[in-house]
Amino acid sequence: MGRNKRRSVYPKKKQNRNASKVVAIFLAIIVIWGVIAVTDYRHVCHNFEKPMFAIATGTADDGGPGTYIGLGYSFEIQGSFMPEDENPGVTRASFYLLGFKLSEAVRE
């Protein structure tokens, strides 16, 4: 009498392909999120401009200083954004990732 081998409903190759697709999609999402966060960080903390992807919440009347929130990150921005200002743009910015302050930039 031979052993009865239990066979899987799905072949292993198909399970491996599905798992690799899920991992690839997850990694693609992480890479896209990282590019968005780094782009906003560079805009605010290096170029002293408003972020491209973060949404303004609690900003001043001129739409400049205040809090900008992205997916998992945020900025607290101070500056002058009126066209008649001598040096318009961000003068001080704090970068938060998942609620932890990571960086602060000051324009001199």
Protein backbone atom coordinates (compact mmCIF):
# COMPACT_ATOMS: atom_id res chain seq x y z
CA MET A 1 0.00 0.00 0.00
CA GLY A 2 1.40 3.33 -1.04
CA ARG A 3 1.29 6.57 0.78
CA ASN A 4 -1.45 8.98 -0.05
CA LYS A 5 0.18 12.28 -0.90
CA ARG A 6 -1.94 15.30 -0.35
CA ARG A 7 -1.84 17.62 -3.30
CA SER A 8 -2.30 21.36 -3.11
CA VAL A 9 -5.21 22.90 -4.94
CA TYR A 10 -2.83 25.38 -6.56
CA PRO A 11 0.53 24.44 -7.95
CA LYS A 12 3.51 25.97 -6.14
CA LYS A 13 4.67 27.90 -9.19
CA LYS A 14 1.41 29.82 -9.35
CA GLN A 15 1.60 30.63 -5.62
CA ASN A 16 5.15 31.91 -6.04
CA ARG A 17 4.14 34.08 -8.98
CA ASN A 18 1.25 35.60 -7.05
CA ALA A 19 3.47 36.27 -4.04
CA SER A 20 6.13 37.90 -6.20
CA LYS A 21 3.49 40.10 -7.86
CA VAL A 22 2.23 41.26 -4.47
CA VAL A 23 5.77 42.03 -3.32
CA ALA A 24 6.52 43.91 -6.55
CA ILE A 25 3.36 46.02 -6.22
CA PHE A 26 4.14 46.76 -2.58
CA LEU A 27 7.70 47.81 -3.43
CA ALA A 28 6.45 50.01 -6.29
CA ILE A 29 4.06 51.79 -3.92
CA ILE A 30 6.88 52.34 -1.39
CA VAL A 31 9.19 53.72 -4.10
CA ILE A 32 6.50 56.09 -5.44
CA TRP A 33 5.73 57.31 -1.90
CA GLY A 34 9.45 57.85 -1.27
CA VAL A 35 9.84 59.88 -4.46
CA ILE A 36 6.86 62.06 -3.53
CA ALA A 37 8.13 62.64 0.03
CA VAL A 38 11.69 63.42 -1.11
CA THR A 39 10.41 65.78 -3.83
CA ASP A 40 8.39 67.75 -1.29
CA TYR A 41 11.32 67.74 1.16
CA ARG A 42 13.69 69.12 -1.48
CA HIS A 43 11.17 71.79 -2.53
CA VAL A 44 10.63 73.02 1.01
CA CYS A 45 13.94 72.50 2.82
CA HIS A 46 16.42 73.11 0.00
CA ASN A 47 14.67 75.34 -2.54
CA PHE A 48 12.51 77.14 0.08
CA GLU A 49 9.32 76.80 -1.97
CA LYS A 50 5.89 75.41 -1.13
CA PRO A 51 5.57 71.61 -1.37
CA MET A 52 4.19 70.14 -4.60
CA PHE A 53 2.21 67.19 -3.23
CA ALA A 54 1.35 68.02 0.38
CA ILE A 55 -2.02 69.64 1.07
CA ALA A 56 -2.23 72.94 2.97
CA THR A 57 -4.17 72.81 6.24
CA GLY A 58 -4.35 75.69 8.66
CA THR A 59 -2.52 78.15 6.47
CA ALA A 60 -2.59 81.92 6.69
CA ASP A 61 -4.80 84.11 4.49
CA ASP A 62 -2.14 84.43 1.78
CA GLY A 63 -1.98 80.62 1.43
CA GLY A 64 1.62 80.40 2.55
CA PRO A 65 2.67 79.86 6.16
CA GLY A 66 1.08 76.99 8.05
CA THR A 67 0.94 73.22 8.05
CA TYR A 68 1.16 71.09 4.92
CA ILE A 69 0.25 67.40 5.21
CA GLY A 70 1.29 64.58 2.90
CA LEU A 71 0.93 60.79 3.21
CA GLY A 72 2.88 60.02 6.38
CA TYR A 73 4.79 63.29 6.45
CA SER A 74 4.10 66.95 7.12
CA PHE A 75 5.73 70.38 7.11
CA GLU A 76 5.36 73.37 9.39
CA ILE A 77 6.22 76.35 7.20
CA GLN A 78 6.88 80.00 7.98
CA GLY A 79 7.59 82.59 5.36
CA SER A 80 6.32 85.41 3.22
CA PHE A 81 4.43 84.54 0.07
CA MET A 82 2.95 87.84 -1.04
CA PRO A 83 4.19 89.01 -4.46
CA GLU A 84 5.25 92.39 -3.15
CA ASP A 85 7.56 90.87 -0.50
CA GLU A 86 11.26 91.45 -0.98
CA ASN A 87 12.23 87.76 -0.67
CA PRO A 88 9.08 85.68 -1.08
CA GLY A 89 9.16 82.01 -0.08
CA VAL A 90 9.80 79.78 2.88
CA THR A 91 11.99 81.26 5.61
CA ARG A 92 11.73 78.41 8.15
CA ALA A 93 10.45 74.85 7.73
CA SER A 94 10.19 71.77 9.92
CA PHE A 95 9.85 68.31 8.34
CA TYR A 96 7.98 65.57 10.21
CA LEU A 97 7.91 61.90 9.18
CA LEU A 98 5.22 59.81 10.88
CA GLY A 99 4.92 62.51 13.54
CA PHE A 100 8.64 62.65 14.40
CA LYS A 101 10.58 65.82 13.61
CA LEU A 102 13.43 64.88 11.31
CA SER A 103 14.71 68.14 9.91
CA GLU A 104 14.50 71.89 10.21
CA ALA A 105 15.62 74.38 7.58
CA VAL A 106 16.17 78.11 7.92
CA ARG A 107 16.79 80.45 4.99
CA GLU A 108 19.44 83.02 5.77
